[in-house]
Amino acid sequence: MQLLEFEKPIAELERELEKLRLKAVSQDIDMSADIASMEAKLAETRQTIYNNLTPWQRVQIARHTQRPFMLDYIALAFTDFCELHGDRRIGDDHSMPGGFARIAGRRVVVIGHQKGRNTKENLHRNFGSAHPEGYRKALRLMKLAEKFGLPVIAMIDTPGAYPGIGAEERNIAEAIAYNLREMMLLKVPVIAVVLGEGGSGGALGIGVADRVLMLENAYYSVISPEGCAAILWKHRKHAPDAAEAMKLAAPDLLKLGLVDGVIAEPNGGAHHDHTGTAAALSEAILSNLDELSKLTTAQLLDARYAKFRSFGEWEGK
C-alpha cells in the first residue's frame, strides 16, 4: 500500500512489532511483555498522528490511490445499479458515470466522478476530470430523476474539470454554469458527498445540493494547494502553507458553514477500511434523505436557495 511521508513512523513501528512476533515464534520464547509494549506504542503513535493531521496531510490522504472511489461505493453501499450513458449531444464521458440505483431499498439516481488506480484506468477515466459531455450527461440524469420523483446523490471526487482544448471548444464553462442554475431549480432532494478531492468548478458542477457532506479526510476548494502556492508564493513547494490558508479541510468547512456534515473515516483514512467507510456514507445519506423527504417542493427550493445565498456573507464588527 502507498505509504505517505507522515506515516513512516507508524510503518517503522509496525516493522519492529513484526520482528518481535517472528522472533518469539522462531526462537520459541515468551516476548509477550515486549510485544504488548510495542503494540501500545504503535497505537499511541497512530492516535497522535491521525488525530492531529494538518490540512496538507488530509489532502495527501484524499489523493491516496487505494482510497475507495465512486464505483467502489456504488458496489458497497448501493444495489441494483443500472448505468446510463451519453449526453445525447457529443458522447459518453467515462469520468462521470451515473444511473439508477437503490440505497437501503430506496430508488435514487446516483452520479459522480470516477478516477483510476493505474495508468490504463486513469486514461479511461481521464483522471476523474470530466469533459463538458460529462456534466451534460449528469444534468440529463438529474432531469430524469426529477421526472420520476427520485432523489439525486452526487459523489464528488475530482481535481477539477478537464482544461484541455477539446473541452474548451465544447464549452466546459457553459456546461458547468448551466448545471449550477438547473440544479438550483431541481424539484427533488439533492445530496452531494465529497469523497476525496473537490476541486474548483469541476466539483461544483454537480455540487449544488440541499445537503453537502464530506468525508473526514476529503478537501473542497476553489483551486488546488499547488495551484494556489504557484500563484501566491510563486512556487509549488508552499502547497502545505496554501492548504492551511485556504481552509479546505472538512473540519474548517463545517465550521464556516460551507458543508452540512462530516462523515467519519476509519483511523488512518478510508483506504484502510472500504466497507466501514461505505457503511458510514450510507448512514449519512439515508439520515439526510429522511430529513429532506419531509419537506414540500416549495420548502425544498426555498431552503436550497437560502443556503447558497448565505455563502460569503460578511459580519463586520
C-alpha atoms as a PDB file:
ATOM      1  CA  MET A   1       0.000   0.000   0.000  1.00  0.00           C
ATOM      2  CA  GLN A   2       1.158   3.540  -0.801  1.00  0.00           C
ATOM      3  CA  LEU A   3       2.939   4.968   2.255  1.00  0.00           C
ATOM      4  CA  LEU A   4       2.564   8.679   2.939  1.00  0.00           C
ATOM      5  CA  GLU A   5       5.502  10.645   4.353  1.00  0.00           C
ATOM      6  CA  PHE A   6       3.904  11.354   7.742  1.00  0.00           C
ATOM      7  CA  GLU A   7       3.010   7.657   8.140  1.00  0.00           C
ATOM      8  CA  LYS A   8       6.647   6.483   8.137  1.00  0.00           C
ATOM      9  CA  PRO A   9       6.953   6.424  11.981  1.00  0.00           C
ATOM     10  CA  ILE A  10       3.914   4.125  12.062  1.00  0.00           C
ATOM     11  CA  ALA A  11       5.388   1.851   9.380  1.00  0.00           C
ATOM     12  CA  GLU A  12       8.684   1.635  11.286  1.00  0.00           C
ATOM     13  CA  LEU A  13       6.922   0.578  14.500  1.00  0.00           C
ATOM     14  CA  GLU A  14       4.866  -1.989  12.559  1.00  0.00           C
ATOM     15  CA  ARG A  15       8.086  -3.491  11.203  1.00  0.00           C
ATOM     16  CA  GLU A  16       9.588  -3.640  14.713  1.00  0.00           C
ATOM     17  CA  LEU A  17       6.435  -5.294  16.028  1.00  0.00           C
ATOM     18  CA  GLU A  18       6.518  -7.896  13.263  1.00  0.00           C
ATOM     19  CA  LYS A  19      10.181  -8.651  14.062  1.00  0.00           C
ATOM     20  CA  LEU A  20       9.321  -9.242  17.721  1.00  0.00           C
ATOM     21  CA  ARG A  21       6.484 -11.616  16.805  1.00  0.00           C
ATOM     22  CA  LEU A  22       8.671 -13.574  14.381  1.00  0.00           C
ATOM     23  CA  LYS A  23      11.443 -13.818  16.969  1.00  0.00           C
ATOM     24  CA  ALA A  24       9.031 -15.089  19.596  1.00  0.00           C
ATOM     25  CA  VAL A  25       7.780 -17.809  17.239  1.00  0.00           C
ATOM     26  CA  SER A  26      11.117 -18.797  15.642  1.00  0.00           C
ATOM     27  CA  GLN A  27      13.001 -18.967  18.952  1.00  0.00           C
ATOM     28  CA  ASP A  28      10.047 -20.222  20.978  1.00  0.00           C
ATOM     29  CA  ILE A  29      10.478 -17.637  23.739  1.00  0.00           C
ATOM     30  CA  ASP A  30       7.971 -15.574  25.690  1.00  0.00           C
ATOM     31  CA  MET A  31       8.125 -11.991  24.446  1.00  0.00           C
ATOM     32  CA  SER A  32       4.528 -11.089  25.333  1.00  0.00           C
ATOM     33  CA  ALA A  33       5.589  -8.139  27.502  1.00  0.00           C
ATOM     34  CA  ASP A  34       7.759  -6.637  24.761  1.00  0.00           C
ATOM     35  CA  ILE A  35       5.061  -7.230  22.155  1.00  0.00           C
ATOM     36  CA  ALA A  36       2.376  -5.631  24.345  1.00  0.00           C
ATOM     37  CA  SER A  37       4.628  -2.632  24.963  1.00  0.00           C
ATOM     38  CA  MET A  38       5.289  -2.230  21.226  1.00  0.00           C
ATOM     39  CA  GLU A  39       1.566  -2.592  20.426  1.00  0.00           C
ATOM     40  CA  ALA A  40       0.752   0.148  22.941  1.00  0.00           C
ATOM     41  CA  LYS A  41       3.429   2.412  21.475  1.00  0.00           C
ATOM     42  CA  LEU A  42       2.104   1.757  17.956  1.00  0.00           C
ATOM     43  CA  ALA A  43      -1.467   2.521  18.980  1.00  0.00           C
ATOM     44  CA  GLU A  44      -0.372   5.730  20.714  1.00  0.00           C
ATOM     45  CA  THR A  45       1.656   6.843  17.672  1.00  0.00           C
ATOM     46  CA  ARG A  46      -1.272   6.167  15.331  1.00  0.00           C
ATOM     47  CA  GLN A  47      -3.596   8.103  17.614  1.00  0.00           C
ATOM     48  CA  THR A  48      -1.223  11.070  17.844  1.00  0.00           C
ATOM     49  CA  ILE A  49      -0.588  11.286  14.105  1.00  0.00           C
ATOM     50  CA  TYR A  50      -4.133  10.731  12.843  1.00  0.00           C
ATOM     51  CA  ASN A  51      -5.754  12.957  15.465  1.00  0.00           C
ATOM     52  CA  ASN A  52      -3.512  15.886  14.572  1.00  0.00           C
ATOM     53  CA  LEU A  53      -3.496  15.839  10.773  1.00  0.00           C
ATOM     54  CA  THR A  54      -2.651  19.096   9.031  1.00  0.00           C
ATOM     55  CA  PRO A  55      -4.761  20.259   6.054  1.00  0.00           C
ATOM     56  CA  TRP A  56      -1.931  19.250   3.688  1.00  0.00           C
ATOM     57  CA  GLN A  57      -1.782  15.763   5.185  1.00  0.00           C
ATOM     58  CA  ARG A  58      -5.542  15.436   4.656  1.00  0.00           C
ATOM     59  CA  VAL A  59      -5.025  16.439   1.014  1.00  0.00           C
ATOM     60  CA  GLN A  60      -2.479  13.627   0.681  1.00  0.00           C
ATOM     61  CA  ILE A  61      -4.955  11.126   2.160  1.00  0.00           C
ATOM     62  CA  ALA A  62      -7.709  12.424  -0.143  1.00  0.00           C
ATOM     63  CA  ARG A  63      -5.451  11.621  -3.128  1.00  0.00           C
ATOM     64  CA  HIS A  64      -4.409   8.156  -1.923  1.00  0.00           C
ATOM     65  CA  THR A  65      -4.580   5.709  -4.824  1.00  0.00           C
ATOM     66  CA  GLN A  66      -6.144   2.984  -2.653  1.00  0.00           C
ATOM     67  CA  ARG A  67      -8.909   5.246  -1.385  1.00  0.00           C
ATOM     68  CA  PRO A  68     -12.387   3.996  -2.405  1.00  0.00           C
ATOM     69  CA  PHE A  69     -13.752   5.754  -5.483  1.00  0.00           C
ATOM     70  CA  MET A  70     -17.290   6.413  -6.632  1.00  0.00           C
ATOM     71  CA  LEU A  71     -17.889   2.992  -8.204  1.00  0.00           C
ATOM     72  CA  ASP A  72     -16.452   1.286  -5.101  1.00  0.00           C
ATOM     73  CA  TYR A  73     -19.141   2.976  -3.007  1.00  0.00           C
ATOM     74  CA  ILE A  74     -21.750   2.008  -5.601  1.00  0.00           C
ATOM     75  CA  ALA A  75     -20.740  -1.632  -5.148  1.00  0.00           C
ATOM     76  CA  LEU A  76     -20.607  -1.447  -1.340  1.00  0.00           C
ATOM     77  CA  ALA A  77     -23.452   0.903  -0.366  1.00  0.00           C
ATOM     78  CA  PHE A  78     -25.912   0.667  -3.267  1.00  0.00           C
ATOM     79  CA  THR A  79     -27.731  -2.126  -5.081  1.00  0.00           C
ATOM     80  CA  ASP A  80     -29.320  -2.610  -8.500  1.00  0.00           C
ATOM     81  CA  PHE A  81     -27.083  -0.038 -10.163  1.00  0.00           C
ATOM     82  CA  CYS A  82     -28.068   0.473 -13.790  1.00  0.00           C
ATOM     83  CA  GLU A  83     -25.573   2.743 -15.536  1.00  0.00           C
ATOM     84  CA  LEU A  84     -26.832   5.109 -18.226  1.00  0.00           C
ATOM     85  CA  HIS A  85     -24.567   6.540 -20.895  1.00  0.00           C
ATOM     86  CA  GLY A  86     -24.191   9.605 -23.070  1.00  0.00           C
ATOM     87  CA  ASP A  87     -25.263  13.245 -23.052  1.00  0.00           C
ATOM     88  CA  ARG A  88     -27.337  12.943 -26.280  1.00  0.00           C
ATOM     89  CA  ARG A  89     -25.096  15.573 -27.906  1.00  0.00           C
ATOM     90  CA  ILE A  90     -21.440  14.546 -28.120  1.00  0.00           C
ATOM     91  CA  GLY A  91     -20.956  11.158 -26.494  1.00  0.00           C
ATOM     92  CA  ASP A  92     -20.262   9.400 -23.224  1.00  0.00           C
ATOM     93  CA  ASP A  93     -17.793  10.572 -20.573  1.00  0.00           C
ATOM     94  CA  HIS A  94     -16.303   7.697 -18.592  1.00  0.00           C
ATOM     95  CA  SER A  95     -15.041  10.055 -15.874  1.00  0.00           C
ATOM     96  CA  MET A  96     -18.673  10.816 -14.879  1.00  0.00           C
ATOM     97  CA  PRO A  97     -20.638   7.554 -14.531  1.00  0.00           C
ATOM     98  CA  GLY A  98     -24.211   7.611 -13.332  1.00  0.00           C
ATOM     99  CA  GLY A  99     -27.547   5.851 -13.393  1.00  0.00           C
ATOM    100  CA  PHE A 100     -30.381   4.388 -11.362  1.00  0.00           C
ATOM    101  CA  ALA A 101     -29.690   2.573  -8.092  1.00  0.00           C
ATOM    102  CA  ARG A 102     -31.161   1.693  -4.724  1.00  0.00           C
ATOM    103  CA  ILE A 103     -29.815   2.525  -1.287  1.00  0.00           C
ATOM    104  CA  ALA A 104     -31.403   0.587   1.563  1.00  0.00           C
ATOM    105  CA  GLY A 105     -34.249  -0.182  -0.844  1.00  0.00           C
ATOM    106  CA  ARG A 106     -34.824   3.463  -1.825  1.00  0.00           C
ATOM    107  CA  ARG A 107     -34.694   4.283  -5.515  1.00  0.00           C
ATOM    108  CA  VAL A 108     -32.273   7.088  -6.366  1.00  0.00           C
ATOM    109  CA  VAL A 109     -30.260   8.461  -9.251  1.00  0.00           C
ATOM    110  CA  VAL A 110     -26.545   8.492  -8.473  1.00  0.00           C
ATOM    111  CA  ILE A 111     -23.850  10.345 -10.415  1.00  0.00           C
ATOM    112  CA  GLY A 112     -20.220  11.178  -9.683  1.00  0.00           C
ATOM    113  CA  HIS A 113     -16.596  11.421 -10.682  1.00  0.00           C
ATOM    114  CA  GLN A 114     -14.580   8.251 -11.142  1.00  0.00           C
ATOM    115  CA  LYS A 115     -10.782   8.020 -11.048  1.00  0.00           C
ATOM    116  CA  GLY A 116      -8.496   5.113 -11.924  1.00  0.00           C
ATOM    117  CA  ARG A 117      -5.870   3.252  -9.906  1.00  0.00           C
ATOM    118  CA  ASN A 118      -3.402   2.610 -12.696  1.00  0.00           C
ATOM    119  CA  THR A 119      -2.366   4.224 -15.965  1.00  0.00           C
ATOM    120  CA  LYS A 120      -4.861   2.296 -18.087  1.00  0.00           C
ATOM    121  CA  GLU A 121      -7.793   3.079 -15.780  1.00  0.00           C
ATOM    122  CA  ASN A 122      -6.780   6.726 -15.429  1.00  0.00           C
ATOM    123  CA  LEU A 123      -6.634   7.182 -19.185  1.00  0.00           C
ATOM    124  CA  HIS A 124     -10.070   5.598 -19.469  1.00  0.00           C
ATOM    125  CA  ARG A 125     -11.469   7.780 -16.679  1.00  0.00           C
ATOM    126  CA  ASN A 126      -9.407  10.866 -17.624  1.00  0.00           C
ATOM    127  CA  PHE A 127      -8.024  11.055 -14.056  1.00  0.00           C
ATOM    128  CA  GLY A 128     -11.501  11.960 -12.784  1.00  0.00           C
ATOM    129  CA  SER A 129     -11.573  15.224 -14.749  1.00  0.00           C
ATOM    130  CA  ALA A 130     -14.851  15.415 -16.659  1.00  0.00           C
ATOM    131  CA  HIS A 131     -15.398  16.880 -20.117  1.00  0.00           C
ATOM    132  CA  PRO A 132     -18.439  19.060 -20.970  1.00  0.00           C
ATOM    133  CA  GLU A 133     -20.365  15.957 -22.038  1.00  0.00           C
ATOM    134  CA  GLY A 134     -19.854  14.544 -18.542  1.00  0.00           C
ATOM    135  CA  TYR A 135     -21.636  17.497 -16.956  1.00  0.00           C
ATOM    136  CA  ARG A 136     -24.345  17.433 -19.627  1.00  0.00           C
ATOM    137  CA  LYS A 137     -24.852  13.704 -19.004  1.00  0.00           C
ATOM    138  CA  ALA A 138     -25.058  14.379 -15.259  1.00  0.00           C
ATOM    139  CA  LEU A 139     -27.749  17.015 -15.824  1.00  0.00           C
ATOM    140  CA  ARG A 140     -29.662  14.701 -18.166  1.00  0.00           C
ATOM    141  CA  LEU A 141     -29.759  12.095 -15.393  1.00  0.00           C
ATOM    142  CA  MET A 142     -30.809  14.713 -12.824  1.00  0.00           C
ATOM    143  CA  LYS A 143     -33.694  15.765 -15.066  1.00  0.00           C
ATOM    144  CA  LEU A 144     -34.625  12.098 -15.377  1.00  0.00           C
ATOM    145  CA  ALA A 145     -34.612  11.853 -11.575  1.00  0.00           C
ATOM    146  CA  GLU A 146     -36.906  14.882 -11.397  1.00  0.00           C
ATOM    147  CA  LYS A 147     -39.271  13.316 -13.936  1.00  0.00           C
ATOM    148  CA  PHE A 148     -39.644  10.164 -11.830  1.00  0.00           C
ATOM    149  CA  GLY A 149     -39.511  11.915  -8.437  1.00  0.00           C
ATOM    150  CA  LEU A 150     -36.232  10.302  -7.341  1.00  0.00           C
ATOM    151  CA  PRO A 151     -33.586  11.869  -5.066  1.00  0.00           C
ATOM    152  CA  VAL A 152     -30.203  12.657  -6.605  1.00  0.00           C
ATOM    153  CA  ILE A 153     -26.959  11.517  -4.971  1.00  0.00           C
ATOM    154  CA  ALA A 154     -23.851  13.259  -6.365  1.00  0.00           C
ATOM    155  CA  MET A 155     -20.412  11.917  -5.448  1.00  0.00           C
ATOM    156  CA  ILE A 156     -17.604  14.449  -5.937  1.00  0.00           C
ATOM    157  CA  ASP A 157     -14.011  13.322  -6.431  1.00  0.00           C
ATOM    158  CA  THR A 158     -12.105  15.387  -8.974  1.00  0.00           C
ATOM    159  CA  PRO A 159      -9.039  17.628  -9.113  1.00  0.00           C
ATOM    160  CA  GLY A 160     -11.088  19.807 -11.473  1.00  0.00           C
ATOM    161  CA  ALA A 161     -12.896  19.788 -14.803  1.00  0.00           C
ATOM    162  CA  TYR A 162     -10.741  18.864 -17.790  1.00  0.00           C
ATOM    163  CA  PRO A 163      -8.922  22.027 -19.018  1.00  0.00           C
ATOM    164  CA  GLY A 164      -7.916  20.788 -22.492  1.00  0.00           C
ATOM    165  CA  ILE A 165      -8.566  22.452 -25.838  1.00  0.00           C
ATOM    166  CA  GLY A 166     -11.319  19.982 -26.736  1.00  0.00           C
ATOM    167  CA  ALA A 167     -13.198  20.761 -23.522  1.00  0.00           C
ATOM    168  CA  GLU A 168     -12.905  24.484 -24.205  1.00  0.00           C
ATOM    169  CA  GLU A 169     -14.135  24.006 -27.773  1.00  0.00           C
ATOM    170  CA  ARG A 170     -17.182  22.155 -26.469  1.00  0.00           C
ATOM    171  CA  ASN A 171     -17.757  24.899 -23.875  1.00  0.00           C
ATOM    172  CA  ILE A 172     -16.873  23.425 -20.485  1.00  0.00           C
ATOM    173  CA  ALA A 173     -17.618  26.716 -18.712  1.00  0.00           C
ATOM    174  CA  GLU A 174     -21.141  26.860 -20.157  1.00  0.00           C
ATOM    175  CA  ALA A 175     -21.812  23.231 -19.254  1.00  0.00           C
ATOM    176  CA  ILE A 176     -20.844  23.810 -15.612  1.00  0.00           C
ATOM    177  CA  ALA A 177     -22.648  27.154 -15.369  1.00  0.00           C
ATOM    178  CA  TYR A 178     -25.814  25.616 -16.821  1.00  0.00           C
ATOM    179  CA  ASN A 179     -25.645  22.816 -14.237  1.00  0.00           C
ATOM    180  CA  LEU A 180     -25.342  25.360 -11.410  1.00  0.00           C
ATOM    181  CA  ARG A 181     -28.531  27.078 -12.488  1.00  0.00           C
ATOM    182  CA  GLU A 182     -30.525  23.941 -13.229  1.00  0.00           C
ATOM    183  CA  MET A 183     -29.501  22.142 -10.041  1.00  0.00           C
ATOM    184  CA  MET A 184     -30.747  25.092  -8.026  1.00  0.00           C
ATOM    185  CA  LEU A 185     -34.187  24.515  -9.589  1.00  0.00           C
ATOM    186  CA  LEU A 186     -34.425  20.707  -9.316  1.00  0.00           C
ATOM    187  CA  LYS A 187     -37.690  19.718  -7.618  1.00  0.00           C
ATOM    188  CA  VAL A 188     -36.247  16.644  -5.904  1.00  0.00           C
ATOM    189  CA  PRO A 189     -33.838  16.284  -2.959  1.00  0.00           C
ATOM    190  CA  VAL A 190     -30.156  16.503  -3.887  1.00  0.00           C
ATOM    191  CA  ILE A 191     -27.335  15.245  -1.656  1.00  0.00           C
ATOM    192  CA  ALA A 192     -23.686  15.793  -2.638  1.00  0.00           C
ATOM    193  CA  VAL A 193     -20.817  13.969  -0.954  1.00  0.00           C
ATOM    194  CA  VAL A 194     -17.171  14.979  -1.397  1.00  0.00           C
ATOM    195  CA  LEU A 195     -15.372  11.622  -1.384  1.00  0.00           C
ATOM    196  CA  GLY A 196     -11.771  12.758  -1.894  1.00  0.00           C
ATOM    197  CA  GLU A 197     -10.786  15.743  -3.997  1.00  0.00           C
ATOM    198  CA  GLY A 198     -13.289  18.541  -4.524  1.00  0.00           C
ATOM    199  CA  GLY A 199     -11.582  20.812  -6.999  1.00  0.00           C
ATOM    200  CA  SER A 200     -12.998  24.104  -8.258  1.00  0.00           C
ATOM    201  CA  GLY A 201     -15.883  24.312 -10.742  1.00  0.00           C
ATOM    202  CA  GLY A 202     -15.308  20.694 -11.664  1.00  0.00           C
ATOM    203  CA  ALA A 203     -16.651  19.764  -8.234  1.00  0.00           C
ATOM    204  CA  LEU A 204     -19.296  22.468  -8.050  1.00  0.00           C
ATOM    205  CA  GLY A 205     -20.748  21.355 -11.402  1.00  0.00           C
ATOM    206  CA  ILE A 206     -22.523  18.528  -9.547  1.00  0.00           C
ATOM    207  CA  GLY A 207     -22.332  20.116  -6.080  1.00  0.00           C
ATOM    208  CA  VAL A 208     -25.370  22.415  -5.830  1.00  0.00           C
ATOM    209  CA  ALA A 209     -27.276  20.350  -3.286  1.00  0.00           C
ATOM    210  CA  ASP A 210     -29.669  20.541  -0.364  1.00  0.00           C
ATOM    211  CA  ARG A 211     -27.051  18.767   1.751  1.00  0.00           C
ATOM    212  CA  VAL A 212     -23.321  18.891   1.051  1.00  0.00           C
ATOM    213  CA  LEU A 213     -21.425  16.263   3.030  1.00  0.00           C
ATOM    214  CA  MET A 214     -17.704  15.493   3.168  1.00  0.00           C
ATOM    215  CA  LEU A 215     -15.679  12.513   4.192  1.00  0.00           C
ATOM    216  CA  GLU A 216     -13.379  13.394   7.067  1.00  0.00           C
ATOM    217  CA  ASN A 217     -10.191  13.488   5.003  1.00  0.00           C
ATOM    218  CA  ALA A 218     -11.608  14.951   1.800  1.00  0.00           C
ATOM    219  CA  TYR A 219     -10.950  18.520   0.702  1.00  0.00           C
ATOM    220  CA  TYR A 220     -13.085  21.074  -1.145  1.00  0.00           C
ATOM    221  CA  SER A 221     -11.585  24.246  -2.582  1.00  0.00           C
ATOM    222  CA  VAL A 222     -11.575  26.751  -5.415  1.00  0.00           C
ATOM    223  CA  ILE A 223      -8.074  25.698  -6.503  1.00  0.00           C
ATOM    224  CA  SER A 224      -5.545  23.009  -5.646  1.00  0.00           C
ATOM    225  CA  PRO A 225      -2.964  23.826  -2.938  1.00  0.00           C
ATOM    226  CA  GLU A 226      -0.231  23.562  -5.577  1.00  0.00           C
ATOM    227  CA  GLY A 227      -2.048  25.992  -7.880  1.00  0.00           C
ATOM    228  CA  CYS A 228      -2.611  28.468  -5.062  1.00  0.00           C
ATOM    229  CA  ALA A 229       1.045  28.215  -3.987  1.00  0.00           C
ATOM    230  CA  ALA A 230       2.241  28.813  -7.552  1.00  0.00           C
ATOM    231  CA  ILE A 231       0.155  31.996  -7.749  1.00  0.00           C
ATOM    232  CA  LEU A 232       0.683  33.478  -4.283  1.00  0.00           C
ATOM    233  CA  TRP A 233       4.089  32.105  -3.265  1.00  0.00           C
ATOM    234  CA  LYS A 234       5.459  31.662  -6.818  1.00  0.00           C
ATOM    235  CA  HIS A 235       6.439  28.048  -6.038  1.00  0.00           C
ATOM    236  CA  ARG A 236       4.582  24.759  -5.551  1.00  0.00           C
ATOM    237  CA  LYS A 237       6.751  23.865  -2.539  1.00  0.00           C
ATOM    238  CA  HIS A 238       4.497  26.154  -0.475  1.00  0.00           C
ATOM    239  CA  ALA A 239       1.479  23.897  -1.079  1.00  0.00           C
ATOM    240  CA  PRO A 240       1.270  22.973   2.660  1.00  0.00           C
ATOM    241  CA  ASP A 241       1.058  26.704   3.535  1.00  0.00           C
ATOM    242  CA  ALA A 242      -1.606  27.190   0.872  1.00  0.00           C
ATOM    243  CA  ALA A 243      -3.634  24.250   2.181  1.00  0.00           C
ATOM    244  CA  GLU A 244      -3.558  25.780   5.665  1.00  0.00           C
ATOM    245  CA  ALA A 245      -4.540  29.247   4.425  1.00  0.00           C
ATOM    246  CA  MET A 246      -7.401  28.101   2.177  1.00  0.00           C
ATOM    247  CA  LYS A 247      -9.335  26.299   4.938  1.00  0.00           C
ATOM    248  CA  LEU A 248     -10.082  23.448   2.550  1.00  0.00           C
ATOM    249  CA  ALA A 249     -10.349  20.587   5.055  1.00  0.00           C
ATOM    250  CA  ALA A 250     -13.670  19.202   6.246  1.00  0.00           C
ATOM    251  CA  PRO A 251     -13.433  20.476   9.871  1.00  0.00           C
ATOM    252  CA  ASP A 252     -12.761  24.044   8.688  1.00  0.00           C
ATOM    253  CA  LEU A 253     -15.518  23.986   6.066  1.00  0.00           C
ATOM    254  CA  LEU A 254     -18.012  22.636   8.596  1.00  0.00           C
ATOM    255  CA  LYS A 255     -17.083  25.445  10.993  1.00  0.00           C
ATOM    256  CA  LEU A 256     -17.560  28.006   8.205  1.00  0.00           C
ATOM    257  CA  GLY A 257     -20.967  26.556   7.341  1.00  0.00           C
ATOM    258  CA  LEU A 258     -19.965  25.645   3.789  1.00  0.00           C
ATOM    259  CA  VAL A 259     -20.728  21.957   4.251  1.00  0.00           C
ATOM    260  CA  ASP A 260     -23.556  20.403   6.224  1.00  0.00           C
ATOM    261  CA  GLY A 261     -21.864  17.368   7.702  1.00  0.00           C
ATOM    262  CA  VAL A 262     -18.633  15.414   8.008  1.00  0.00           C
ATOM    263  CA  ILE A 263     -18.594  11.625   7.657  1.00  0.00           C
ATOM    264  CA  ALA A 264     -16.051   9.965   9.945  1.00  0.00           C
ATOM    265  CA  GLU A 265     -13.409   7.741   8.368  1.00  0.00           C
ATOM    266  CA  PRO A 266     -11.594   4.772   9.904  1.00  0.00           C
ATOM    267  CA  ASN A 267      -8.354   5.555  11.713  1.00  0.00           C
ATOM    268  CA  GLY A 268      -5.794   6.402   9.020  1.00  0.00           C
ATOM    269  CA  GLY A 269      -8.275   7.091   6.245  1.00  0.00           C
ATOM    270  CA  ALA A 270     -10.939   5.426   4.108  1.00  0.00           C
ATOM    271  CA  HIS A 271      -8.370   3.329   2.237  1.00  0.00           C
ATOM    272  CA  HIS A 272      -7.839   1.252   5.383  1.00  0.00           C
ATOM    273  CA  ASP A 273     -11.481   0.091   5.510  1.00  0.00           C
ATOM    274  CA  HIS A 274     -13.609   0.434   2.375  1.00  0.00           C
ATOM    275  CA  THR A 275     -16.562  -1.461   3.835  1.00  0.00           C
ATOM    276  CA  GLY A 276     -16.693   0.560   7.064  1.00  0.00           C
ATOM    277  CA  THR A 277     -16.456   3.853   5.200  1.00  0.00           C
ATOM    278  CA  ALA A 278     -19.218   2.800   2.800  1.00  0.00           C
ATOM    279  CA  ALA A 279     -21.451   1.930   5.762  1.00  0.00           C
ATOM    280  CA  ALA A 280     -20.859   5.371   7.308  1.00  0.00           C
ATOM    281  CA  LEU A 281     -21.554   7.041   3.947  1.00  0.00           C
ATOM    282  CA  SER A 282     -24.784   5.078   3.523  1.00  0.00           C
ATOM    283  CA  GLU A 283     -25.937   6.001   7.024  1.00  0.00           C
ATOM    284  CA  ALA A 284     -25.265   9.710   6.416  1.00  0.00           C
ATOM    285  CA  ILE A 285     -27.080   9.710   3.070  1.00  0.00           C
ATOM    286  CA  LEU A 286     -30.122   7.917   4.468  1.00  0.00           C
ATOM    287  CA  SER A 287     -30.302  10.210   7.502  1.00  0.00           C
ATOM    288  CA  ASN A 288     -30.314  13.305   5.292  1.00  0.00           C
ATOM    289  CA  LEU A 289     -32.789  11.762   2.853  1.00  0.00           C
ATOM    290  CA  ASP A 290     -35.173  11.174   5.773  1.00  0.00           C
ATOM    291  CA  GLU A 291     -34.978  14.862   6.702  1.00  0.00           C
ATOM    292  CA  LEU A 292     -35.335  16.160   3.144  1.00  0.00           C
ATOM    293  CA  SER A 293     -38.250  13.856   2.313  1.00  0.00           C
ATOM    294  CA  LYS A 294     -40.359  15.650   4.937  1.00  0.00           C
ATOM    295  CA  LEU A 295     -40.152  18.965   3.035  1.00  0.00           C
ATOM    296  CA  THR A 296     -42.583  20.099   0.385  1.00  0.00           C
ATOM    297  CA  THR A 297     -41.177  21.033  -3.017  1.00  0.00           C
ATOM    298  CA  ALA A 298     -41.576  24.738  -2.217  1.00  0.00           C
ATOM    299  CA  GLN A 299     -39.783  24.350   1.130  1.00  0.00           C
ATOM    300  CA  LEU A 300     -37.009  22.361  -0.530  1.00  0.00           C
ATOM    301  CA  LEU A 301     -36.380  25.003  -3.197  1.00  0.00           C
ATOM    302  CA  ASP A 302     -36.578  27.912  -0.750  1.00  0.00           C
ATOM    303  CA  ALA A 303     -34.135  26.265   1.669  1.00  0.00           C
ATOM    304  CA  ARG A 304     -31.686  25.428  -1.131  1.00  0.00           C
ATOM    305  CA  TYR A 305     -31.798  28.995  -2.442  1.00  0.00           C
ATOM    306  CA  ALA A 306     -31.311  30.483   1.036  1.00  0.00           C
ATOM    307  CA  LYS A 307     -28.446  28.081   1.752  1.00  0.00           C
ATOM    308  CA  PHE A 308     -26.344  29.175  -1.212  1.00  0.00           C
ATOM    309  CA  ARG A 309     -27.300  32.856  -0.983  1.00  0.00           C
ATOM    310  CA  SER A 310     -25.927  32.921   2.568  1.00  0.00           C
ATOM    311  CA  PHE A 311     -22.420  31.918   1.453  1.00  0.00           C
ATOM    312  CA  GLY A 312     -19.920  34.731   1.571  1.00  0.00           C
ATOM    313  CA  GLU A 313     -21.903  36.965   3.886  1.00  0.00           C
ATOM    314  CA  TRP A 314     -19.569  39.079   5.986  1.00  0.00           C
ATOM    315  CA  GLU A 315     -20.452  40.088   9.517  1.00  0.00           C
ATOM    316  CA  GLY A 316     -18.444  43.177  10.411  1.00  0.00           C
ATOM    317  CA  LYS A 317     -17.799  44.339  13.949  1.00  0.00           C
END
